[in-house]
Amino acid sequence: MSDWRRRQSRAAVWFLAPAGILLAVFVVWPLARSLWWSFHYADLLAPDGQPWAGGSHYSDLLRDPRFRRAFANTALFAVLVVPLQTTLAFFLALWVNRPEPAWRWLRVVFFLPTIVAMPVLAILWTMLYQPAQGDETGLINAMLGIVGVPAQAWLRDPLLALPAIAFMSIWQGTGLQMMVFLAGLQNVPRETLEAARVDGAGAWQRTRHVVVPAMRNSIVFVVTVTTILAFRLFVQPYLMTRGGPGNSTVSLVQTIYETTFLAQDLGRACAAAFLFLLLVGGLALVQRRLLREERA
């Protein structure tokens, strides 16, 4: 190896060292400690020096009906949110991708819910979902009443509570995905679109055969990020329903939070967190494999 290459290698090590130290301190070490605690009867206030638990936390969690219900709720929430939010954001981006100033303001309108804190939106939508109770009827039920649809107990009905939270989450998050798609639309070749138009291709054919293939990387990114965010479901059900009614909206993150800070069972909470990590990581890998990014 030449002197120049050796000097380059030493410089690369020094440049990478700060990032490596931060990664080790704030990611690798906490993960290792959490994995260690997940195999012990660790208490939140006295995590060290506790007896070995083996895999009992993991087996207990897999047999726990509430944990399994939280898993099912989180998966159902992701199934509802990811395709609907991605599709809605994609077509919104196509719709507002125009140079006129009025359409730029419309982009701002769609993006605004994204910058509002989720706790604020959760309280607001709890009032909107208010069931019919005299003068306290929520806006949604009041509007349904105008067209003759009976009022619904959106957040108190076990069948409606999770879809209602999913609808609110889609409304809040679509603006961010729309902006990602708008950025991706700038890379669609105008010449190809114009050639397709000259050849007689309609709007749907141009979208399907030109726009979608050109935006493949943006679609893969949005689907992956939306899936990860959907599995982090916590604030909405915790503030709007506390996981109820009857555990119908309890999420995996909520069970981890309650096990850690309410039950103070750190070992079981770490085991739940690792099961959650395996689930989300596995899904992300599957998505990346099925929706391979195209690299230049």
C-alpha atoms as a PDB file:
ATOM      1  CA  MET A   1       0.000   0.000   0.000  1.00  0.00           C
ATOM      2  CA  SER A   2       1.403   3.384  -0.947  1.00  0.00           C
ATOM      3  CA  ASP A   3       2.049   6.140   1.602  1.00  0.00           C
ATOM      4  CA  TRP A   4      -0.736   8.193   0.098  1.00  0.00           C
ATOM      5  CA  ARG A   5      -3.263   5.387   0.596  1.00  0.00           C
ATOM      6  CA  ARG A   6      -2.083   4.758   4.173  1.00  0.00           C
ATOM      7  CA  ARG A   7      -2.489   8.455   5.008  1.00  0.00           C
ATOM      8  CA  GLN A   8      -5.943   8.406   3.421  1.00  0.00           C
ATOM      9  CA  SER A   9      -6.969   5.362   5.490  1.00  0.00           C
ATOM     10  CA  ARG A  10      -5.756   6.978   8.737  1.00  0.00           C
ATOM     11  CA  ALA A  11      -7.634  10.184   7.892  1.00  0.00           C
ATOM     12  CA  ALA A  12     -10.813   8.197   7.190  1.00  0.00           C
ATOM     13  CA  VAL A  13     -10.560   6.528  10.616  1.00  0.00           C
ATOM     14  CA  TRP A  14     -10.235   9.886  12.361  1.00  0.00           C
ATOM     15  CA  PHE A  15     -13.159  11.351  10.439  1.00  0.00           C
ATOM     16  CA  LEU A  16     -15.359   8.332  11.214  1.00  0.00           C
ATOM     17  CA  ALA A  17     -14.369   8.127  14.881  1.00  0.00           C
ATOM     18  CA  PRO A  18     -16.841  10.764  16.252  1.00  0.00           C
ATOM     19  CA  ALA A  19     -19.802   9.169  14.490  1.00  0.00           C
ATOM     20  CA  GLY A  20     -18.675   5.707  15.611  1.00  0.00           C
ATOM     21  CA  ILE A  21     -18.367   6.819  19.253  1.00  0.00           C
ATOM     22  CA  LEU A  22     -21.816   8.447  19.228  1.00  0.00           C
ATOM     23  CA  LEU A  23     -23.325   5.342  17.607  1.00  0.00           C
ATOM     24  CA  ALA A  24     -21.729   3.093  20.210  1.00  0.00           C
ATOM     25  CA  VAL A  25     -22.778   5.250  23.192  1.00  0.00           C
ATOM     26  CA  PHE A  26     -26.329   6.120  22.162  1.00  0.00           C
ATOM     27  CA  VAL A  27     -27.385   3.083  20.074  1.00  0.00           C
ATOM     28  CA  VAL A  28     -25.244  -0.030  20.545  1.00  0.00           C
ATOM     29  CA  TRP A  29     -24.751   0.246  24.328  1.00  0.00           C
ATOM     30  CA  PRO A  30     -28.451   0.931  25.155  1.00  0.00           C
ATOM     31  CA  LEU A  31     -29.490  -1.942  22.877  1.00  0.00           C
ATOM     32  CA  ALA A  32     -27.044  -4.293  24.555  1.00  0.00           C
ATOM     33  CA  ARG A  33     -28.224  -3.252  28.046  1.00  0.00           C
ATOM     34  CA  SER A  34     -31.878  -3.643  27.034  1.00  0.00           C
ATOM     35  CA  LEU A  35     -31.191  -7.116  25.665  1.00  0.00           C
ATOM     36  CA  TRP A  36     -29.424  -8.027  28.916  1.00  0.00           C
ATOM     37  CA  TRP A  37     -32.319  -6.750  31.045  1.00  0.00           C
ATOM     38  CA  SER A  38     -34.864  -8.603  28.905  1.00  0.00           C
ATOM     39  CA  PHE A  39     -33.416 -11.866  30.274  1.00  0.00           C
ATOM     40  CA  HIS A  40     -33.554 -10.715  33.915  1.00  0.00           C
ATOM     41  CA  TYR A  41     -36.246  -9.850  36.462  1.00  0.00           C
ATOM     42  CA  ALA A  42     -35.078  -6.241  36.275  1.00  0.00           C
ATOM     43  CA  ASP A  43     -36.982  -3.559  38.139  1.00  0.00           C
ATOM     44  CA  LEU A  44     -37.132  -0.008  36.776  1.00  0.00           C
ATOM     45  CA  LEU A  45     -35.733   1.494  39.990  1.00  0.00           C
ATOM     46  CA  ALA A  46     -33.105  -1.222  40.552  1.00  0.00           C
ATOM     47  CA  PRO A  47     -32.280  -2.743  37.170  1.00  0.00           C
ATOM     48  CA  ASP A  48     -28.953  -4.369  38.016  1.00  0.00           C
ATOM     49  CA  GLY A  49     -28.170  -7.369  40.190  1.00  0.00           C
ATOM     50  CA  GLN A  50     -31.538  -9.014  39.595  1.00  0.00           C
ATOM     51  CA  PRO A  51     -31.959 -12.795  39.073  1.00  0.00           C
ATOM     52  CA  TRP A  52     -31.799 -14.451  35.654  1.00  0.00           C
ATOM     53  CA  ALA A  53     -35.200 -14.932  33.995  1.00  0.00           C
ATOM     54  CA  GLY A  54     -34.133 -16.709  30.832  1.00  0.00           C
ATOM     55  CA  GLY A  55     -36.747 -16.501  28.095  1.00  0.00           C
ATOM     56  CA  SER A  56     -39.693 -16.351  30.490  1.00  0.00           C
ATOM     57  CA  HIS A  57     -40.496 -12.705  29.640  1.00  0.00           C
ATOM     58  CA  TYR A  58     -40.701 -13.543  25.951  1.00  0.00           C
ATOM     59  CA  SER A  59     -42.840 -16.648  26.461  1.00  0.00           C
ATOM     60  CA  ASP A  60     -45.154 -14.798  28.892  1.00  0.00           C
ATOM     61  CA  LEU A  61     -45.622 -11.973  26.412  1.00  0.00           C
ATOM     62  CA  LEU A  62     -46.472 -14.326  23.580  1.00  0.00           C
ATOM     63  CA  ARG A  63     -49.124 -15.946  25.802  1.00  0.00           C
ATOM     64  CA  ASP A  64     -50.475 -12.632  27.152  1.00  0.00           C
ATOM     65  CA  PRO A  65     -53.921 -11.895  25.570  1.00  0.00           C
ATOM     66  CA  ARG A  66     -53.490  -8.114  25.974  1.00  0.00           C
ATOM     67  CA  PHE A  67     -50.087  -8.150  24.264  1.00  0.00           C
ATOM     68  CA  ARG A  68     -51.474 -10.261  21.427  1.00  0.00           C
ATOM     69  CA  ARG A  69     -54.428  -7.860  21.111  1.00  0.00           C
ATOM     70  CA  ALA A  70     -51.990  -4.924  21.026  1.00  0.00           C
ATOM     71  CA  PHE A  71     -50.046  -6.694  18.282  1.00  0.00           C
ATOM     72  CA  ALA A  72     -53.241  -7.271  16.267  1.00  0.00           C
ATOM     73  CA  ASN A  73     -54.410  -3.673  16.758  1.00  0.00           C
ATOM     74  CA  THR A  74     -51.059  -2.248  15.672  1.00  0.00           C
ATOM     75  CA  ALA A  75     -50.942  -4.500  12.620  1.00  0.00           C
ATOM     76  CA  LEU A  76     -54.527  -3.597  11.667  1.00  0.00           C
ATOM     77  CA  PHE A  77     -53.732   0.104  12.101  1.00  0.00           C
ATOM     78  CA  ALA A  78     -50.736  -0.266   9.758  1.00  0.00           C
ATOM     79  CA  VAL A  79     -52.845  -2.174   7.218  1.00  0.00           C
ATOM     80  CA  LEU A  80     -55.410   0.635   7.248  1.00  0.00           C
ATOM     81  CA  VAL A  81     -53.007   3.574   7.245  1.00  0.00           C
ATOM     82  CA  VAL A  82     -50.106   2.599   4.955  1.00  0.00           C
ATOM     83  CA  PRO A  83     -51.965   1.904   1.676  1.00  0.00           C
ATOM     84  CA  LEU A  84     -54.622   4.579   2.150  1.00  0.00           C
ATOM     85  CA  GLN A  85     -52.248   7.324   3.232  1.00  0.00           C
ATOM     86  CA  THR A  86     -49.681   6.504   0.541  1.00  0.00           C
ATOM     87  CA  THR A  87     -52.295   6.406  -2.228  1.00  0.00           C
ATOM     88  CA  LEU A  88     -53.998   9.589  -1.043  1.00  0.00           C
ATOM     89  CA  ALA A  89     -50.677  11.435  -0.756  1.00  0.00           C
ATOM     90  CA  PHE A  90     -49.633  10.288  -4.234  1.00  0.00           C
ATOM     91  CA  PHE A  91     -52.779  11.529  -5.961  1.00  0.00           C
ATOM     92  CA  LEU A  92     -52.800  14.740  -3.922  1.00  0.00           C
ATOM     93  CA  ALA A  93     -49.242  15.388  -5.117  1.00  0.00           C
ATOM     94  CA  LEU A  94     -50.316  14.810  -8.716  1.00  0.00           C
ATOM     95  CA  TRP A  95     -53.241  17.182  -8.219  1.00  0.00           C
ATOM     96  CA  VAL A  96     -51.333  20.103  -6.676  1.00  0.00           C
ATOM     97  CA  ASN A  97     -48.224  19.732  -8.880  1.00  0.00           C
ATOM     98  CA  ARG A  98     -48.977  22.923 -10.818  1.00  0.00           C
ATOM     99  CA  PRO A  99     -46.960  26.134 -11.062  1.00  0.00           C
ATOM    100  CA  GLU A 100     -49.770  28.601 -10.310  1.00  0.00           C
ATOM    101  CA  PRO A 101     -49.542  30.340  -6.862  1.00  0.00           C
ATOM    102  CA  ALA A 102     -53.037  29.185  -5.859  1.00  0.00           C
ATOM    103  CA  TRP A 103     -51.905  25.542  -5.998  1.00  0.00           C
ATOM    104  CA  ARG A 104     -48.857  26.345  -3.888  1.00  0.00           C
ATOM    105  CA  TRP A 105     -51.155  27.689  -1.184  1.00  0.00           C
ATOM    106  CA  LEU A 106     -53.201  24.499  -1.448  1.00  0.00           C
ATOM    107  CA  ARG A 107     -50.025  22.509  -0.743  1.00  0.00           C
ATOM    108  CA  VAL A 108     -49.578  24.563   2.419  1.00  0.00           C
ATOM    109  CA  VAL A 109     -53.139  23.800   3.487  1.00  0.00           C
ATOM    110  CA  PHE A 110     -52.599  20.043   3.095  1.00  0.00           C
ATOM    111  CA  PHE A 111     -49.239  20.217   4.867  1.00  0.00           C
ATOM    112  CA  LEU A 112     -50.451  22.249   7.870  1.00  0.00           C
ATOM    113  CA  PRO A 113     -51.799  19.295   9.960  1.00  0.00           C
ATOM    114  CA  THR A 114     -48.337  17.716   9.827  1.00  0.00           C
ATOM    115  CA  ILE A 115     -46.715  20.538  11.801  1.00  0.00           C
ATOM    116  CA  VAL A 116     -49.353  20.577  14.553  1.00  0.00           C
ATOM    117  CA  ALA A 117     -48.426  18.519  17.612  1.00  0.00           C
ATOM    118  CA  MET A 118     -50.237  15.187  17.732  1.00  0.00           C
ATOM    119  CA  PRO A 119     -51.508  15.690  21.344  1.00  0.00           C
ATOM    120  CA  VAL A 120     -53.275  18.883  20.233  1.00  0.00           C
ATOM    121  CA  LEU A 121     -54.855  17.094  17.274  1.00  0.00           C
ATOM    122  CA  ALA A 122     -55.857  14.152  19.460  1.00  0.00           C
ATOM    123  CA  ILE A 123     -57.785  16.464  21.805  1.00  0.00           C
ATOM    124  CA  LEU A 124     -59.341  18.312  18.870  1.00  0.00           C
ATOM    125  CA  TRP A 125     -60.480  15.123  17.135  1.00  0.00           C
ATOM    126  CA  THR A 126     -61.815  13.707  20.412  1.00  0.00           C
ATOM    127  CA  MET A 127     -64.180  16.694  20.479  1.00  0.00           C
ATOM    128  CA  LEU A 128     -65.037  16.221  16.790  1.00  0.00           C
ATOM    129  CA  TYR A 129     -65.866  12.557  17.450  1.00  0.00           C
ATOM    130  CA  GLN A 130     -68.026  13.458  20.456  1.00  0.00           C
ATOM    131  CA  PRO A 131     -71.154  11.260  20.407  1.00  0.00           C
ATOM    132  CA  ALA A 132     -74.624  12.794  20.444  1.00  0.00           C
ATOM    133  CA  GLN A 133     -75.200  14.124  23.954  1.00  0.00           C
ATOM    134  CA  GLY A 134     -77.561  17.102  23.726  1.00  0.00           C
ATOM    135  CA  ASP A 135     -75.612  20.299  23.076  1.00  0.00           C
ATOM    136  CA  GLU A 136     -72.261  18.453  23.250  1.00  0.00           C
ATOM    137  CA  THR A 137     -72.735  16.593  19.961  1.00  0.00           C
ATOM    138  CA  GLY A 138     -69.479  16.567  18.003  1.00  0.00           C
ATOM    139  CA  LEU A 139     -69.164  18.241  14.630  1.00  0.00           C
ATOM    140  CA  ILE A 140     -68.903  14.932  12.719  1.00  0.00           C
ATOM    141  CA  ASN A 141     -72.111  13.533  14.191  1.00  0.00           C
ATOM    142  CA  ALA A 142     -73.824  16.889  13.689  1.00  0.00           C
ATOM    143  CA  MET A 143     -72.889  16.834   9.973  1.00  0.00           C
ATOM    144  CA  LEU A 144     -74.045  13.225   9.658  1.00  0.00           C
ATOM    145  CA  GLY A 145     -77.337  14.247  11.265  1.00  0.00           C
ATOM    146  CA  ILE A 146     -77.901  16.831   8.501  1.00  0.00           C
ATOM    147  CA  VAL A 147     -77.902  14.075   5.861  1.00  0.00           C
ATOM    148  CA  GLY A 148     -79.987  11.727   7.990  1.00  0.00           C
ATOM    149  CA  VAL A 149     -77.218   9.398   9.199  1.00  0.00           C
ATOM    150  CA  PRO A 150     -77.610   8.422  12.874  1.00  0.00           C
ATOM    151  CA  ALA A 151     -74.921   9.576  15.298  1.00  0.00           C
ATOM    152  CA  GLN A 152     -72.138   7.101  16.081  1.00  0.00           C
ATOM    153  CA  ALA A 153     -70.135   6.570  19.265  1.00  0.00           C
ATOM    154  CA  TRP A 154     -66.891   6.757  17.289  1.00  0.00           C
ATOM    155  CA  LEU A 155     -64.439   6.328  20.150  1.00  0.00           C
ATOM    156  CA  ARG A 156     -66.698   4.251  22.415  1.00  0.00           C
ATOM    157  CA  ASP A 157     -67.655   1.527  19.948  1.00  0.00           C
ATOM    158  CA  PRO A 158     -65.029  -1.295  19.832  1.00  0.00           C
ATOM    159  CA  LEU A 159     -65.614  -1.722  16.094  1.00  0.00           C
ATOM    160  CA  LEU A 160     -65.307   1.973  15.226  1.00  0.00           C
ATOM    161  CA  ALA A 161     -62.634   3.246  17.625  1.00  0.00           C
ATOM    162  CA  LEU A 162     -59.526   2.001  15.786  1.00  0.00           C
ATOM    163  CA  PRO A 163     -60.769   2.975  12.279  1.00  0.00           C
ATOM    164  CA  ALA A 164     -61.672   6.417  13.659  1.00  0.00           C
ATOM    165  CA  ILE A 165     -58.138   6.855  15.019  1.00  0.00           C
ATOM    166  CA  ALA A 166     -56.705   5.587  11.727  1.00  0.00           C
ATOM    167  CA  PHE A 167     -58.783   8.144   9.795  1.00  0.00           C
ATOM    168  CA  MET A 168     -57.482  10.966  11.975  1.00  0.00           C
ATOM    169  CA  SER A 169     -53.899   9.719  11.552  1.00  0.00           C
ATOM    170  CA  ILE A 170     -54.256   9.569   7.758  1.00  0.00           C
ATOM    171  CA  TRP A 171     -55.590  13.142   7.733  1.00  0.00           C
ATOM    172  CA  GLN A 172     -52.656  14.312   9.858  1.00  0.00           C
ATOM    173  CA  GLY A 173     -49.846  12.531   8.025  1.00  0.00           C
ATOM    174  CA  THR A 174     -50.817  12.747   4.376  1.00  0.00           C
ATOM    175  CA  GLY A 175     -49.309  16.213   3.902  1.00  0.00           C
ATOM    176  CA  LEU A 176     -45.778  15.039   4.683  1.00  0.00           C
ATOM    177  CA  GLN A 177     -45.934  12.125   2.237  1.00  0.00           C
ATOM    178  CA  MET A 178     -47.457  14.475  -0.347  1.00  0.00           C
ATOM    179  CA  MET A 179     -44.392  16.738  -0.095  1.00  0.00           C
ATOM    180  CA  VAL A 180     -42.073  13.745  -0.648  1.00  0.00           C
ATOM    181  CA  PHE A 181     -44.030  12.772  -3.738  1.00  0.00           C
ATOM    182  CA  LEU A 182     -43.966  16.370  -4.975  1.00  0.00           C
ATOM    183  CA  ALA A 183     -40.180  16.302  -4.765  1.00  0.00           C
ATOM    184  CA  GLY A 184     -40.168  13.000  -6.657  1.00  0.00           C
ATOM    185  CA  LEU A 185     -42.418  14.419  -9.374  1.00  0.00           C
ATOM    186  CA  GLN A 186     -39.743  16.986 -10.239  1.00  0.00           C
ATOM    187  CA  ASN A 187     -37.574  14.096 -11.501  1.00  0.00           C
ATOM    188  CA  VAL A 188     -40.170  12.692 -13.889  1.00  0.00           C
ATOM    189  CA  PRO A 189     -38.844  13.296 -17.452  1.00  0.00           C
ATOM    190  CA  ARG A 190     -41.005  15.947 -19.115  1.00  0.00           C
ATOM    191  CA  GLU A 191     -39.935  14.749 -22.539  1.00  0.00           C
ATOM    192  CA  THR A 192     -41.260  11.256 -21.844  1.00  0.00           C
ATOM    193  CA  LEU A 193     -44.561  12.629 -20.558  1.00  0.00           C
ATOM    194  CA  GLU A 194     -44.913  14.843 -23.604  1.00  0.00           C
ATOM    195  CA  ALA A 195     -44.071  11.944 -25.940  1.00  0.00           C
ATOM    196  CA  ALA A 196     -46.711   9.774 -24.242  1.00  0.00           C
ATOM    197  CA  ARG A 197     -49.247  12.581 -24.592  1.00  0.00           C
ATOM    198  CA  VAL A 198     -48.444  12.957 -28.313  1.00  0.00           C
ATOM    199  CA  ASP A 199     -48.854   9.183 -28.747  1.00  0.00           C
ATOM    200  CA  GLY A 200     -52.368   9.470 -27.373  1.00  0.00           C
ATOM    201  CA  ALA A 201     -51.828   8.163 -23.847  1.00  0.00           C
ATOM    202  CA  GLY A 202     -54.473   9.382 -21.406  1.00  0.00           C
ATOM    203  CA  ALA A 203     -53.861  10.756 -17.924  1.00  0.00           C
ATOM    204  CA  TRP A 204     -54.222   7.353 -16.263  1.00  0.00           C
ATOM    205  CA  GLN A 205     -51.915   5.645 -18.771  1.00  0.00           C
ATOM    206  CA  ARG A 206     -49.264   8.360 -18.348  1.00  0.00           C
ATOM    207  CA  THR A 207     -49.493   8.011 -14.582  1.00  0.00           C
ATOM    208  CA  ARG A 208     -49.268   4.229 -14.659  1.00  0.00           C
ATOM    209  CA  HIS A 209     -46.572   3.777 -17.304  1.00  0.00           C
ATOM    210  CA  VAL A 210     -44.444   6.922 -16.895  1.00  0.00           C
ATOM    211  CA  VAL A 211     -44.962   8.619 -13.527  1.00  0.00           C
ATOM    212  CA  VAL A 212     -45.120   5.567 -11.248  1.00  0.00           C
ATOM    213  CA  PRO A 213     -41.948   3.875 -12.641  1.00  0.00           C
ATOM    214  CA  ALA A 214     -40.061   7.186 -12.478  1.00  0.00           C
ATOM    215  CA  MET A 215     -41.092   7.681  -8.840  1.00  0.00           C
ATOM    216  CA  ARG A 216     -40.341   4.153  -7.679  1.00  0.00           C
ATOM    217  CA  ASN A 217     -37.685   5.222  -5.188  1.00  0.00           C
ATOM    218  CA  SER A 218     -39.977   7.868  -3.672  1.00  0.00           C
ATOM    219  CA  ILE A 219     -42.780   5.305  -3.332  1.00  0.00           C
ATOM    220  CA  VAL A 220     -40.448   2.800  -1.641  1.00  0.00           C
ATOM    221  CA  PHE A 221     -39.268   5.491   0.780  1.00  0.00           C
ATOM    222  CA  VAL A 222     -42.795   6.654   1.648  1.00  0.00           C
ATOM    223  CA  VAL A 223     -44.139   3.107   2.142  1.00  0.00           C
ATOM    224  CA  THR A 224     -41.206   2.150   4.374  1.00  0.00           C
ATOM    225  CA  VAL A 225     -41.357   5.294   6.521  1.00  0.00           C
ATOM    226  CA  THR A 226     -45.156   5.206   6.794  1.00  0.00           C
ATOM    227  CA  THR A 227     -45.041   1.573   7.929  1.00  0.00           C
ATOM    228  CA  ILE A 228     -42.483   2.345  10.631  1.00  0.00           C
ATOM    229  CA  LEU A 229     -44.474   5.377  11.814  1.00  0.00           C
ATOM    230  CA  ALA A 230     -47.706   3.354  11.828  1.00  0.00           C
ATOM    231  CA  PHE A 231     -46.150   0.713  14.064  1.00  0.00           C
ATOM    232  CA  ARG A 232     -45.104   3.475  16.486  1.00  0.00           C
ATOM    233  CA  LEU A 233     -48.774   4.129  17.211  1.00  0.00           C
ATOM    234  CA  PHE A 234     -49.094   5.475  20.754  1.00  0.00           C
ATOM    235  CA  VAL A 235     -50.162   9.100  21.270  1.00  0.00           C
ATOM    236  CA  GLN A 236     -53.510   8.956  19.472  1.00  0.00           C
ATOM    237  CA  PRO A 237     -55.080   5.951  21.254  1.00  0.00           C
ATOM    238  CA  TYR A 238     -53.453   6.791  24.584  1.00  0.00           C
ATOM    239  CA  LEU A 239     -54.941  10.291  24.661  1.00  0.00           C
ATOM    240  CA  MET A 240     -58.221   9.601  22.882  1.00  0.00           C
ATOM    241  CA  THR A 241     -59.292   6.227  24.312  1.00  0.00           C
ATOM    242  CA  ARG A 242     -56.593   5.027  26.762  1.00  0.00           C
ATOM    243  CA  GLY A 243     -56.500   1.827  24.742  1.00  0.00           C
ATOM    244  CA  GLY A 244     -60.215   1.157  25.140  1.00  0.00           C
ATOM    245  CA  PRO A 245     -62.949   0.323  24.855  1.00  0.00           C
ATOM    246  CA  GLY A 246     -62.047  -3.201  25.932  1.00  0.00           C
ATOM    247  CA  ASN A 247     -58.448  -3.054  24.626  1.00  0.00           C
ATOM    248  CA  SER A 248     -59.792  -2.424  21.130  1.00  0.00           C
ATOM    249  CA  THR A 249     -57.237   0.356  20.502  1.00  0.00           C
ATOM    250  CA  VAL A 250     -54.346  -0.623  22.755  1.00  0.00           C
ATOM    251  CA  SER A 251     -51.039  -0.568  20.842  1.00  0.00           C
ATOM    252  CA  LEU A 252     -47.676  -2.300  21.226  1.00  0.00           C
ATOM    253  CA  VAL A 253     -45.933   0.922  22.242  1.00  0.00           C
ATOM    254  CA  GLN A 254     -48.601   1.585  24.866  1.00  0.00           C
ATOM    255  CA  THR A 255     -48.054  -1.848  26.413  1.00  0.00           C
ATOM    256  CA  ILE A 256     -44.297  -1.163  26.540  1.00  0.00           C
ATOM    257  CA  TYR A 257     -44.913   2.243  28.149  1.00  0.00           C
ATOM    258  CA  GLU A 258     -47.303   0.850  30.754  1.00  0.00           C
ATOM    259  CA  THR A 259     -45.052  -2.110  31.562  1.00  0.00           C
ATOM    260  CA  THR A 260     -42.070   0.209  32.033  1.00  0.00           C
ATOM    261  CA  PHE A 261     -43.474   3.186  33.910  1.00  0.00           C
ATOM    262  CA  LEU A 262     -46.679   1.912  35.527  1.00  0.00           C
ATOM    263  CA  ALA A 263     -45.747  -1.689  36.360  1.00  0.00           C
ATOM    264  CA  GLN A 264     -42.006  -0.771  36.580  1.00  0.00           C
ATOM    265  CA  ASP A 265     -41.181  -4.215  35.168  1.00  0.00           C
ATOM    266  CA  LEU A 266     -38.103  -3.269  33.141  1.00  0.00           C
ATOM    267  CA  GLY A 267     -37.186  -6.827  32.132  1.00  0.00           C
ATOM    268  CA  ARG A 268     -40.597  -7.583  30.621  1.00  0.00           C
ATOM    269  CA  ALA A 269     -40.729  -4.142  28.954  1.00  0.00           C
ATOM    270  CA  CYS A 270     -37.323  -4.712  27.333  1.00  0.00           C
ATOM    271  CA  ALA A 271     -38.479  -8.110  26.066  1.00  0.00           C
ATOM    272  CA  ALA A 272     -41.586  -6.484  24.570  1.00  0.00           C
ATOM    273  CA  ALA A 273     -39.424  -3.770  23.001  1.00  0.00           C
ATOM    274  CA  PHE A 274     -37.178  -6.373  21.373  1.00  0.00           C
ATOM    275  CA  LEU A 275     -40.154  -8.275  19.992  1.00  0.00           C
ATOM    276  CA  PHE A 276     -41.369  -4.948  18.618  1.00  0.00           C
ATOM    277  CA  LEU A 277     -37.923  -4.246  17.138  1.00  0.00           C
ATOM    278  CA  LEU A 278     -37.836  -7.654  15.453  1.00  0.00           C
ATOM    279  CA  LEU A 279     -41.313  -7.110  14.031  1.00  0.00           C
ATOM    280  CA  VAL A 280     -40.643  -3.648  12.584  1.00  0.00           C
ATOM    281  CA  GLY A 281     -37.147  -4.551  11.381  1.00  0.00           C
ATOM    282  CA  GLY A 282     -38.433  -7.698   9.689  1.00  0.00           C
ATOM    283  CA  LEU A 283     -41.219  -5.819   7.955  1.00  0.00           C
ATOM    284  CA  ALA A 284     -38.827  -3.108   6.788  1.00  0.00           C
ATOM    285  CA  LEU A 285     -36.488  -5.747   5.310  1.00  0.00           C
ATOM    286  CA  VAL A 286     -39.369  -7.517   3.563  1.00  0.00           C
ATOM    287  CA  GLN A 287     -40.607  -4.233   2.117  1.00  0.00           C
ATOM    288  CA  ARG A 288     -37.133  -3.287   0.947  1.00  0.00           C
ATOM    289  CA  ARG A 289     -36.804  -6.662  -0.767  1.00  0.00           C
ATOM    290  CA  LEU A 290     -40.211  -6.556  -2.408  1.00  0.00           C
ATOM    291  CA  LEU A 291     -39.971  -2.894  -3.379  1.00  0.00           C
ATOM    292  CA  ARG A 292     -36.335  -2.685  -4.366  1.00  0.00           C
ATOM    293  CA  GLU A 293     -35.036   0.815  -4.900  1.00  0.00           C
ATOM    294  CA  GLU A 294     -33.563   1.563  -8.274  1.00  0.00           C
ATOM    295  CA  ARG A 295     -30.078   2.988  -7.970  1.00  0.00           C
ATOM    296  CA  ALA A 296     -28.415   4.983 -10.682  1.00  0.00           C
END
